[in-house]
C-alpha atoms as a PDB file:
ATOM      1  CA  MET A   1      20.406  -7.938   4.876  1.00  0.00           C
ATOM      2  CA  HIS A   2      20.860  -4.215   5.569  1.00  0.00           C
ATOM      3  CA  TRP A   3      17.655  -2.326   6.416  1.00  0.00           C
ATOM      4  CA  ILE A   4      17.227   1.315   5.287  1.00  0.00           C
ATOM      5  CA  LEU A   5      14.644   3.068   7.480  1.00  0.00           C
ATOM      6  CA  GLN A   6      13.079   6.462   6.853  1.00  0.00           C
ATOM      7  CA  GLU A   7      13.219   8.827   9.797  1.00  0.00           C
ATOM      8  CA  ASN A   8      10.008  10.087  11.450  1.00  0.00           C
ATOM      9  CA  LEU A   9       7.633   8.224   9.181  1.00  0.00           C
ATOM     10  CA  PHE A  10       6.189   5.379  11.202  1.00  0.00           C
ATOM     11  CA  LYS A  11       4.050   5.699  14.304  1.00  0.00           C
ATOM     12  CA  GLU A  12       6.026   5.522  17.551  1.00  0.00           C
ATOM     13  CA  ALA A  13       4.869   2.001  18.439  1.00  0.00           C
ATOM     14  CA  GLU A  14       5.476   0.738  14.895  1.00  0.00           C
ATOM     15  CA  TRP A  15       8.974   2.205  14.913  1.00  0.00           C
ATOM     16  CA  ALA A  16       9.771   0.654  18.285  1.00  0.00           C
ATOM     17  CA  ASN A  17       8.573  -2.760  17.120  1.00  0.00           C
ATOM     18  CA  LEU A  18      10.589  -2.639  13.889  1.00  0.00           C
ATOM     19  CA  VAL A  19      13.828  -1.371  15.421  1.00  0.00           C
ATOM     20  CA  GLY A  20      13.385  -3.738  18.344  1.00  0.00           C
ATOM     21  CA  ALA A  21      13.111  -6.725  16.008  1.00  0.00           C
ATOM     22  CA  LEU A  22      16.162  -5.680  13.984  1.00  0.00           C
ATOM     23  CA  GLU A  23      18.254  -5.228  17.113  1.00  0.00           C
ATOM     24  CA  ARG A  24      16.968  -8.468  18.630  1.00  0.00           C
ATOM     25  CA  PHE A  25      18.299 -10.384  15.627  1.00  0.00           C
ATOM     26  CA  SER A  26      21.449  -8.224  15.286  1.00  0.00           C
ATOM     27  CA  LEU A  27      20.451  -7.118  11.790  1.00  0.00           C
ATOM     28  CA  PRO A  28      22.240  -4.043  10.393  1.00  0.00           C
ATOM     29  CA  TYR A  29      20.136  -0.945   9.763  1.00  0.00           C
ATOM     30  CA  SER A  30      20.550   2.782   9.192  1.00  0.00           C
ATOM     31  CA  VAL A  31      18.153   5.716   9.537  1.00  0.00           C
ATOM     32  CA  HIS A  32      17.827   8.441   6.899  1.00  0.00           C
ATOM     33  CA  LYS A  33      15.769  11.430   5.921  1.00  0.00           C
ATOM     34  CA  VAL A  34      14.255  11.041   2.452  1.00  0.00           C
ATOM     35  CA  VAL A  35      13.924  13.932   0.010  1.00  0.00           C
ATOM     36  CA  PRO A  36      10.234  13.928  -1.055  1.00  0.00           C
ATOM     37  CA  PHE A  37       9.378  12.558  -4.513  1.00  0.00           C
ATOM     38  CA  VAL A  38      13.009  12.060  -5.652  1.00  0.00           C
ATOM     39  CA  GLY A  39      13.861   9.634  -2.858  1.00  0.00           C
ATOM     40  CA  GLU A  40      17.396  10.887  -2.166  1.00  0.00           C
ATOM     41  CA  LEU A  41      18.737   9.713   1.202  1.00  0.00           C
ATOM     42  CA  VAL A  42      20.179  12.093   3.787  1.00  0.00           C
ATOM     43  CA  PRO A  43      22.798  11.148   4.798  1.00  0.00           C
ATOM     44  CA  PRO A  44      23.668   8.949   1.809  1.00  0.00           C
ATOM     45  CA  ALA A  45      23.699   5.214   2.484  1.00  0.00           C
ATOM     46  CA  GLU A  46      27.235   3.848   2.394  1.00  0.00           C
ATOM     47  CA  ILE A  47      26.769   0.083   2.165  1.00  0.00           C
ATOM     48  CA  ALA A  48      29.678  -2.091   1.135  1.00  0.00           C
ATOM     49  CA  GLY A  49      27.637  -4.875  -0.455  1.00  0.00           C
ATOM     50  CA  GLY A  50      25.020  -7.521   0.067  1.00  0.00           C
ATOM     51  CA  LYS A  51      21.272  -7.185   0.077  1.00  0.00           C
ATOM     52  CA  VAL A  52      19.418  -4.037   1.108  1.00  0.00           C
ATOM     53  CA  VAL A  53      15.724  -3.488   1.841  1.00  0.00           C
ATOM     54  CA  CYS A  54      14.056  -0.093   2.324  1.00  0.00           C
ATOM     55  CA  PHE A  55      11.125   0.817   4.566  1.00  0.00           C
ATOM     56  CA  GLY A  56       9.556   4.254   4.419  1.00  0.00           C
ATOM     57  CA  SER A  57       7.804   6.401   1.832  1.00  0.00           C
ATOM     58  CA  TYR A  58       7.075   5.141  -1.669  1.00  0.00           C
ATOM     59  CA  SER A  59       9.710   7.501  -3.101  1.00  0.00           C
ATOM     60  CA  LEU A  60      12.421   5.214  -1.656  1.00  0.00           C
ATOM     61  CA  ARG A  61      12.002   3.117  -4.789  1.00  0.00           C
ATOM     62  CA  HIS A  62      14.012   5.786  -6.653  1.00  0.00           C
ATOM     63  CA  ALA A  63      16.978   5.459  -4.293  1.00  0.00           C
ATOM     64  CA  ALA A  64      16.777   1.673  -4.447  1.00  0.00           C
ATOM     65  CA  ARG A  65      16.757   1.632  -8.246  1.00  0.00           C
ATOM     66  CA  ALA A  66      19.584   4.147  -8.534  1.00  0.00           C
ATOM     67  CA  ALA A  67      21.759   2.133  -6.153  1.00  0.00           C
ATOM     68  CA  GLY A  68      20.814  -1.206  -7.695  1.00  0.00           C
ATOM     69  CA  TRP A  69      19.793  -2.640  -4.324  1.00  0.00           C
ATOM     70  CA  THR A  70      18.230  -6.073  -4.085  1.00  0.00           C
ATOM     71  CA  PRO A  71      15.460  -6.421  -3.059  1.00  0.00           C
ATOM     72  CA  GLY A  72      15.363  -2.649  -2.378  1.00  0.00           C
ATOM     73  CA  VAL A  73      11.644  -2.026  -2.766  1.00  0.00           C
ATOM     74  CA  TYR A  74       9.123  -4.705  -3.777  1.00  0.00           C
ATOM     75  CA  ASP A  75       7.656  -2.321  -6.329  1.00  0.00           C
ATOM     76  CA  LEU A  76       4.076  -2.823  -7.525  1.00  0.00           C
ATOM     77  CA  ASP A  77       4.250  -0.212 -10.277  1.00  0.00           C
ATOM     78  CA  ASP A  78       3.406  -2.809 -12.938  1.00  0.00           C
ATOM     79  CA  ALA A  79       0.436  -4.270 -11.022  1.00  0.00           C
ATOM     80  CA  ASP A  80      -2.188  -1.539 -11.209  1.00  0.00           C
ATOM     81  CA  PHE A  81      -5.922  -1.966 -10.572  1.00  0.00           C
ATOM     82  CA  GLU A  82      -6.642  -3.194 -14.089  1.00  0.00           C
ATOM     83  CA  VAL A  83      -3.975  -5.906 -13.761  1.00  0.00           C
ATOM     84  CA  GLN A  84      -5.444  -6.948 -10.404  1.00  0.00           C
ATOM     85  CA  ARG A  85      -8.959  -7.026 -11.846  1.00  0.00           C
ATOM     86  CA  ALA A  86      -7.760  -9.177 -14.758  1.00  0.00           C
ATOM     87  CA  HIS A  87      -6.560 -11.790 -12.247  1.00  0.00           C
ATOM     88  CA  TRP A  88      -9.100 -11.551  -9.404  1.00  0.00           C
ATOM     89  CA  GLY A  89     -12.153 -10.294 -11.295  1.00  0.00           C
ATOM     90  CA  ALA A  90     -15.394 -10.124  -9.307  1.00  0.00           C
ATOM     91  CA  ARG A  91     -13.569 -11.043  -6.096  1.00  0.00           C
ATOM     92  CA  MET A  92     -12.437  -7.407  -5.925  1.00  0.00           C
ATOM     93  CA  LEU A  93     -14.519  -4.995  -3.866  1.00  0.00           C
ATOM     94  CA  ASN A  94     -14.533  -2.403  -6.655  1.00  0.00           C
ATOM     95  CA  ALA A  95     -14.589  -4.769  -9.625  1.00  0.00           C
ATOM     96  CA  ALA A  96     -17.291  -2.599 -11.193  1.00  0.00           C
ATOM     97  CA  SER A  97     -14.992   0.446 -11.269  1.00  0.00           C
ATOM     98  CA  VAL A  98     -14.836   2.633 -14.352  1.00  0.00           C
ATOM     99  CA  VAL A  99     -11.253   3.637 -15.208  1.00  0.00           C
ATOM    100  CA  VAL A 100     -10.887   7.170 -16.606  1.00  0.00           C
ATOM    101  CA  ARG A 101      -8.446  10.068 -16.622  1.00  0.00           C
ATOM    102  CA  PHE A 102      -8.617  12.284 -13.544  1.00  0.00           C
ATOM    103  CA  ALA A 103      -9.725  15.114 -15.846  1.00  0.00           C
ATOM    104  CA  ASP A 104     -12.667  13.031 -17.098  1.00  0.00           C
ATOM    105  CA  VAL A 105     -14.177  11.951 -13.770  1.00  0.00           C
ATOM    106  CA  ARG A 106     -17.940  12.563 -13.747  1.00  0.00           C
ATOM    107  CA  PHE A 107     -20.500  11.279 -11.264  1.00  0.00           C
ATOM    108  CA  SER A 108     -23.809  10.056 -12.710  1.00  0.00           C
ATOM    109  CA  THR A 109     -25.775  10.119  -9.439  1.00  0.00           C
ATOM    110  CA  ALA A 110     -25.674  12.047  -6.174  1.00  0.00           C
ATOM    111  CA  ALA A 111     -24.648   8.925  -4.223  1.00  0.00           C
ATOM    112  CA  PRO A 112     -21.155   8.724  -2.690  1.00  0.00           C
ATOM    113  CA  TYR A 113     -18.393   7.368  -4.924  1.00  0.00           C
ATOM    114  CA  PHE A 114     -14.971   5.863  -4.300  1.00  0.00           C
ATOM    115  CA  VAL A 115     -12.073   7.350  -6.287  1.00  0.00           C
ATOM    116  CA  ARG A 116      -8.473   6.138  -6.325  1.00  0.00           C
ATOM    117  CA  PRO A 117      -5.475   6.153  -8.712  1.00  0.00           C
ATOM    118  CA  ILE A 118      -5.235   2.772 -10.427  1.00  0.00           C
ATOM    119  CA  ARG A 119      -1.512   2.577  -9.582  1.00  0.00           C
ATOM    120  CA  ASP A 120       0.046   2.341  -6.128  1.00  0.00           C
ATOM    121  CA  SER A 121       1.661   5.708  -6.779  1.00  0.00           C
ATOM    122  CA  LYS A 122       0.393   7.673  -3.750  1.00  0.00           C
ATOM    123  CA  VAL A 123      -0.422  10.742  -5.887  1.00  0.00           C
ATOM    124  CA  PHE A 124      -3.521  10.836  -3.698  1.00  0.00           C
ATOM    125  CA  ALA A 125      -5.090   8.392  -1.288  1.00  0.00           C
ATOM    126  CA  GLY A 126      -8.208   6.453  -2.196  1.00  0.00           C
ATOM    127  CA  GLN A 127     -11.173   8.441  -0.937  1.00  0.00           C
ATOM    128  CA  THR A 128     -14.939   8.507  -0.637  1.00  0.00           C
ATOM    129  CA  VAL A 129     -16.424  11.484  -2.447  1.00  0.00           C
ATOM    130  CA  ASP A 130     -19.467  12.750  -0.551  1.00  0.00           C
ATOM    131  CA  ASP A 131     -19.206  16.384  -1.650  1.00  0.00           C
ATOM    132  CA  GLN A 132     -19.088  16.246  -5.434  1.00  0.00           C
ATOM    133  CA  ALA A 133     -18.855  20.028  -5.775  1.00  0.00           C
ATOM    134  CA  GLU A 134     -15.711  19.996  -3.678  1.00  0.00           C
ATOM    135  CA  PHE A 135     -14.225  17.230  -5.840  1.00  0.00           C
ATOM    136  CA  TYR A 136     -15.011  19.107  -9.063  1.00  0.00           C
ATOM    137  CA  ALA A 137     -13.388  22.238  -7.615  1.00  0.00           C
ATOM    138  CA  TRP A 138     -10.227  20.230  -6.857  1.00  0.00           C
ATOM    139  CA  GLN A 139     -10.333  18.706 -10.338  1.00  0.00           C
ATOM    140  CA  HIS A 140     -10.617  22.194 -11.857  1.00  0.00           C
ATOM    141  CA  ARG A 141      -7.644  23.464  -9.862  1.00  0.00           C
ATOM    142  CA  VAL A 142      -5.466  20.571 -11.027  1.00  0.00           C
ATOM    143  CA  CYS A 143      -6.630  20.318 -14.645  1.00  0.00           C
ATOM    144  CA  ALA A 144      -7.634  23.813 -15.699  1.00  0.00           C
ATOM    145  CA  LEU A 145      -5.390  25.911 -13.493  1.00  0.00           C
ATOM    146  CA  GLY A 146      -2.406  23.565 -13.356  1.00  0.00           C
ATOM    147  CA  GLU A 147      -2.249  23.757  -9.573  1.00  0.00           C
ATOM    148  CA  ASP A 148       0.810  22.017  -8.111  1.00  0.00           C
ATOM    149  CA  THR A 149      -0.547  19.742  -5.386  1.00  0.00           C
ATOM    150  CA  GLY A 150       2.932  18.675  -4.305  1.00  0.00           C
ATOM    151  CA  THR A 151       2.516  15.310  -6.055  1.00  0.00           C
ATOM    152  CA  SER A 152       2.614  14.066  -9.626  1.00  0.00           C
ATOM    153  CA  LEU A 153      -1.180  14.184  -9.959  1.00  0.00           C
ATOM    154  CA  ALA A 154      -2.013  15.330 -13.496  1.00  0.00           C
ATOM    155  CA  PRO A 155      -5.072  15.512 -15.763  1.00  0.00           C
ATOM    156  CA  ASP A 156      -3.997  12.266 -17.472  1.00  0.00           C
ATOM    157  CA  THR A 157      -3.585  10.297 -14.211  1.00  0.00           C
ATOM    158  CA  LEU A 158      -5.786   7.210 -14.530  1.00  0.00           C
ATOM    159  CA  VAL A 159      -8.213   6.675 -11.662  1.00  0.00           C
ATOM    160  CA  GLN A 160     -10.921   4.181 -10.818  1.00  0.00           C
ATOM    161  CA  VAL A 161     -14.425   5.362  -9.945  1.00  0.00           C
ATOM    162  CA  ALA A 162     -16.977   3.110  -8.262  1.00  0.00           C
ATOM    163  CA  PRO A 163     -20.108   3.397  -6.116  1.00  0.00           C
ATOM    164  CA  VAL A 164     -19.347   3.124  -2.410  1.00  0.00           C
ATOM    165  CA  ARG A 165     -20.079  -0.284  -0.866  1.00  0.00           C
ATOM    166  CA  GLU A 166     -20.804  -0.975   2.775  1.00  0.00           C
ATOM    167  CA  ILE A 167     -17.824  -2.477   4.590  1.00  0.00           C
ATOM    168  CA  TYR A 168     -17.991  -4.086   8.023  1.00  0.00           C
ATOM    169  CA  THR A 169     -14.294  -4.535   8.669  1.00  0.00           C
ATOM    170  CA  GLU A 170     -10.986  -4.208   6.783  1.00  0.00           C
ATOM    171  CA  VAL A 171      -7.851  -6.273   7.343  1.00  0.00           C
ATOM    172  CA  ARG A 172      -4.327  -5.896   5.953  1.00  0.00           C
ATOM    173  CA  CYS A 173      -2.320  -9.058   5.312  1.00  0.00           C
ATOM    174  CA  TRP A 174       1.458  -9.074   4.884  1.00  0.00           C
ATOM    175  CA  VAL A 175       2.356 -11.642   2.229  1.00  0.00           C
ATOM    176  CA  VAL A 176       5.894 -12.996   1.901  1.00  0.00           C
ATOM    177  CA  GLY A 177       6.850 -15.892  -0.340  1.00  0.00           C
ATOM    178  CA  GLY A 178       3.237 -16.765  -1.050  1.00  0.00           C
ATOM    179  CA  GLN A 179       2.233 -16.978   2.616  1.00  0.00           C
ATOM    180  CA  ILE A 180       0.424 -14.535   4.884  1.00  0.00           C
ATOM    181  CA  VAL A 181       2.853 -14.112   7.773  1.00  0.00           C
ATOM    182  CA  THR A 182       0.865 -11.606   9.855  1.00  0.00           C
ATOM    183  CA  ALA A 183      -2.398  -9.632   9.640  1.00  0.00           C
ATOM    184  CA  SER A 184      -3.988  -6.621  11.278  1.00  0.00           C
ATOM    185  CA  GLN A 185      -7.451  -5.101  11.312  1.00  0.00           C
ATOM    186  CA  TYR A 186      -7.273  -1.405  10.472  1.00  0.00           C
ATOM    187  CA  LYS A 187     -10.931  -0.438  10.181  1.00  0.00           C
ATOM    188  CA  LEU A 188     -14.131  -1.483  11.911  1.00  0.00           C
ATOM    189  CA  GLY A 189     -16.954   0.085   9.931  1.00  0.00           C
ATOM    190  CA  SER A 190     -15.850   3.667   9.352  1.00  0.00           C
ATOM    191  CA  LYS A 191     -13.711   3.777  12.488  1.00  0.00           C
ATOM    192  CA  VAL A 192      -9.926   3.303  12.370  1.00  0.00           C
ATOM    193  CA  THR A 193      -9.258   0.434  14.774  1.00  0.00           C
ATOM    194  CA  TYR A 194      -6.021  -1.552  14.925  1.00  0.00           C
ATOM    195  CA  ALA A 195      -6.112  -5.124  16.213  1.00  0.00           C
ATOM    196  CA  SER A 196      -4.089  -8.248  15.549  1.00  0.00           C
ATOM    197  CA  VAL A 197      -5.918 -10.838  13.444  1.00  0.00           C
ATOM    198  CA  PRO A 198      -5.078 -14.561  13.748  1.00  0.00           C
ATOM    199  CA  ARG A 199      -3.935 -16.320  10.606  1.00  0.00           C
ATOM    200  CA  ASP A 200      -6.739 -18.903  10.958  1.00  0.00           C
ATOM    201  CA  SER A 201      -9.492 -16.293  10.817  1.00  0.00           C
ATOM    202  CA  ALA A 202     -12.013 -16.592   7.973  1.00  0.00           C
ATOM    203  CA  LEU A 203     -10.975 -13.288   6.369  1.00  0.00           C
ATOM    204  CA  VAL A 204      -7.276 -14.179   6.421  1.00  0.00           C
ATOM    205  CA  ALA A 205      -8.094 -17.599   4.988  1.00  0.00           C
ATOM    206  CA  TYR A 206      -9.972 -15.865   2.184  1.00  0.00           C
ATOM    207  CA  ALA A 207      -6.942 -13.668   1.525  1.00  0.00           C
ATOM    208  CA  GLN A 208      -4.622 -16.689   1.462  1.00  0.00           C
ATOM    209  CA  ALA A 209      -6.860 -18.353  -1.130  1.00  0.00           C
ATOM    210  CA  ARG A 210      -6.617 -15.250  -3.328  1.00  0.00           C
ATOM    211  CA  VAL A 211      -2.817 -15.250  -2.976  1.00  0.00           C
ATOM    212  CA  ALA A 212      -2.824 -18.867  -4.168  1.00  0.00           C
ATOM    213  CA  GLU A 213      -4.631 -17.696  -7.324  1.00  0.00           C
ATOM    214  CA  TRP A 214      -2.193 -14.880  -8.127  1.00  0.00           C
ATOM    215  CA  GLN A 215       0.406 -12.676  -6.476  1.00  0.00           C
ATOM    216  CA  PRO A 216       1.971  -9.503  -7.937  1.00  0.00           C
ATOM    217  CA  HIS A 217       5.299  -9.869  -6.119  1.00  0.00           C
ATOM    218  CA  ARG A 218       7.040 -12.165  -3.682  1.00  0.00           C
ATOM    219  CA  ALA A 219       6.327  -9.647  -0.920  1.00  0.00           C
ATOM    220  CA  PHE A 220       3.345  -7.284  -0.757  1.00  0.00           C
ATOM    221  CA  CYS A 221       0.338  -6.259   1.329  1.00  0.00           C
ATOM    222  CA  LEU A 222      -3.155  -7.449   0.519  1.00  0.00           C
ATOM    223  CA  ASP A 223      -6.163  -5.651   2.008  1.00  0.00           C
ATOM    224  CA  VAL A 224      -9.421  -7.574   2.312  1.00  0.00           C
ATOM    225  CA  ALA A 225     -12.838  -6.632   3.646  1.00  0.00           C
ATOM    226  CA  ASP A 226     -15.931  -8.244   5.089  1.00  0.00           C
ATOM    227  CA  THR A 227     -18.995  -6.796   3.368  1.00  0.00           C
ATOM    228  CA  ALA A 228     -22.739  -7.380   3.143  1.00  0.00           C
ATOM    229  CA  ASP A 229     -21.993  -9.544   0.089  1.00  0.00           C
ATOM    230  CA  GLY A 230     -19.213 -11.517   1.755  1.00  0.00           C
ATOM    231  CA  PRO A 231     -15.411 -11.133   1.717  1.00  0.00           C
ATOM    232  CA  ALA A 232     -13.701  -9.139  -1.014  1.00  0.00           C
ATOM    233  CA  ILE A 233     -10.276  -7.842  -2.040  1.00  0.00           C
ATOM    234  CA  VAL A 234      -9.867  -4.120  -1.397  1.00  0.00           C
ATOM    235  CA  GLU A 235      -6.428  -3.485  -2.910  1.00  0.00           C
ATOM    236  CA  ILE A 236      -2.740  -4.350  -2.808  1.00  0.00           C
ATOM    237  CA  ASN A 237      -0.029  -2.121  -1.346  1.00  0.00           C
ATOM    238  CA  THR A 238       3.753  -1.957  -1.547  1.00  0.00           C
ATOM    239  CA  ILE A 239       4.962  -3.713   1.593  1.00  0.00           C
ATOM    240  CA  ASN A 240       7.861  -1.262   2.063  1.00  0.00           C
ATOM    241  CA  ALA A 241       5.560   1.754   2.428  1.00  0.00           C
ATOM    242  CA  ALA A 242       2.483   0.245   4.072  1.00  0.00           C
ATOM    243  CA  GLY A 243       3.165   0.823   7.772  1.00  0.00           C
ATOM    244  CA  PHE A 244       2.486  -1.940  10.277  1.00  0.00           C
ATOM    245  CA  TYR A 245      -0.730  -1.245  12.237  1.00  0.00           C
ATOM    246  CA  ALA A 246      -1.021  -4.119  14.765  1.00  0.00           C
ATOM    247  CA  ALA A 247       0.996  -6.605  12.705  1.00  0.00           C
ATOM    248  CA  ASP A 248       3.583  -8.903  14.273  1.00  0.00           C
ATOM    249  CA  VAL A 249       6.630  -7.059  12.947  1.00  0.00           C
ATOM    250  CA  GLN A 250       9.041  -9.692  14.228  1.00  0.00           C
ATOM    251  CA  LYS A 251       7.356 -12.341  12.051  1.00  0.00           C
ATOM    252  CA  LEU A 252       7.569 -10.016   9.067  1.00  0.00           C
ATOM    253  CA  VAL A 253      11.284  -9.345   9.601  1.00  0.00           C
ATOM    254  CA  ILE A 254      12.015 -13.067   9.907  1.00  0.00           C
ATOM    255  CA  ALA A 255      10.022 -13.897   6.754  1.00  0.00           C
ATOM    256  CA  LEU A 256      11.774 -11.228   4.653  1.00  0.00           C
ATOM    257  CA  GLU A 257      15.195 -12.307   5.893  1.00  0.00           C
ATOM    258  CA  GLU A 258      14.406 -15.915   5.021  1.00  0.00           C
ATOM    259  CA  ILE A 259      13.280 -15.290   1.432  1.00  0.00           C
ATOM    260  CA  GLU A 260      16.285 -13.052   0.790  1.00  0.00           C
ATOM    261  CA  ALA A 261      18.819 -15.406   2.361  1.00  0.00           C
END
């Protein structure tokens, strides 16, 4: 399988691990700049045939679709928060979220809230809103003034709004073919902390049980958290655009090559 990699996107160590694994197994790859939002590759990818997978920004899905690459990008566009909640229900951290248009977001108390687009579209990152006045000012700029934020964020963008819950630790699991092949902690409390997590850990076992219940694609990332109320699903992410943290990239490369063989 040919690997398309976006230039200057991943952290230096992540890049070294990915390229090192591809070269170790003599897998073909090419490096490209990606035109933001439209996903055009510079230089263009000239690939004679066979399977192609892309790793980089979410906009690579446009290039993959246009070229008809398989697998291209394991796109989660049809598995938004409401689809996830329909399958996993109360097991989700923010199962109590209210889904509204971005233009209609209102906070009923002064407590912090979590706000995120319901789709894995990257129009803005999920965020904790502590300063509600600042959020309303941003909302006004986008909705009333038509400010171009450099993304496709619009008044009608559907978002989820939920009270903030206390999280002890957060772990990302890379799922391929129904199995978690590697996992990495990425947050300890509010601090960003990367650390490899063994597959037999309790939190990874919880994630694997959720994958057994439902999976949105044959390859994706599943984030889980340990909370005061026990383990919970945070969200899913497109595996092609999720980065690697402290994951075992070699295991991920092998797993993807095997399911696409």
